[in-house]
Amino acid sequence: MDFIDDDIMQYAENHSQEESELLKELQRETNQKILQPRMISGHFQGRFLSFLSRLIQPEKILEVGTYTGYATLCLAEGLRKNGAIHTIDINEELLDFYTKYFDKSLYKNQIFSHQGDAKKIIPGLDFNFDLVFIDADKSNYSLYFDLILPKLNPGGIIIADNVLWSGKVLNDNIPDKDAETLGLKEFNDKVMADKKVETLLLPIRDGLMICRKV
C-alpha cells in the first residue's frame, strides 16, 4: 500500500540529499541479486536515518536486522569519531554481501556485525545505546523493545520500521496465524502506552515508529 502519492514521493526524493555512490552500488546489487529487494531502506528512508543519526551524533548504535547493510551505512554517517554501530542478523547467507560493502566504507572499523538470534545477543551487549533501529522479524518487536529500553540512554531514540505493514494494522480481526501483523499491532499499542517513551508514528514508506526515552 502506498501511503503517499508517487509523484509527491518522487518530488520529495528529488529534493533530498543524494545518497553516496557506495549506497547506489549497494542498492543496485541488492536489486539484481537478492530476493525481496524491496526490503532495503532505499534512498529516501536512508536519508532520513542518516539525518536523524547526524542530529543525535550517537556514540553507540544498535541495529536489529542488517539485511544487505544499506541502513547500517546510513546510520553510521552520524557516528562520533569514536562511535560504533552493532548490527545483528540471523541470516548467514547475506554476511559476505554486506561485509563487502562495510569494508569499502569509511566506517569499516566502526561497524560490528553479530550473527545469530537477536533475542539472545542483545542481553549480552554490556553497553548502552543512543540510537536503535529495529527492522527484523515483526512478531518479536515488543520483545526487542523490552530488551532494548533498559540499555537505551535517556534521550535515546528507537526507530522501528514497517509498523503500518501495508495498512494491515488497521484491521480489527486479524487471524491468529498472522503473527507479524499481530506483533506489530501489539508493539504499536505497547510503546504508545509506555510512559518511559515519547512516540511519533511517521507514514514514511511502510511506517516508522520513533520512540524517545524520557
Foldseek 3Di string as FASTA:
>chain_A
DDPDDPVVVVVVLVPADFDDPLLVVLLVVCVVPPPPSVLDCDRPSLSVLLVVLLVQQKQEEEEEACPQNNSVQSNCNSHDPNHAYEYEDQDPVNVVRNLVSLVVDPCVVRYHYDYRDCLVVLLVDPAAIQEYEYRDQQLCLQVVCVSRPVRYDAQGKYKYPLLCVVVPLVDPDDDPVPSNSVSSVVNVVVLPPDPQWDWDWDPDPNIMIMIGGD
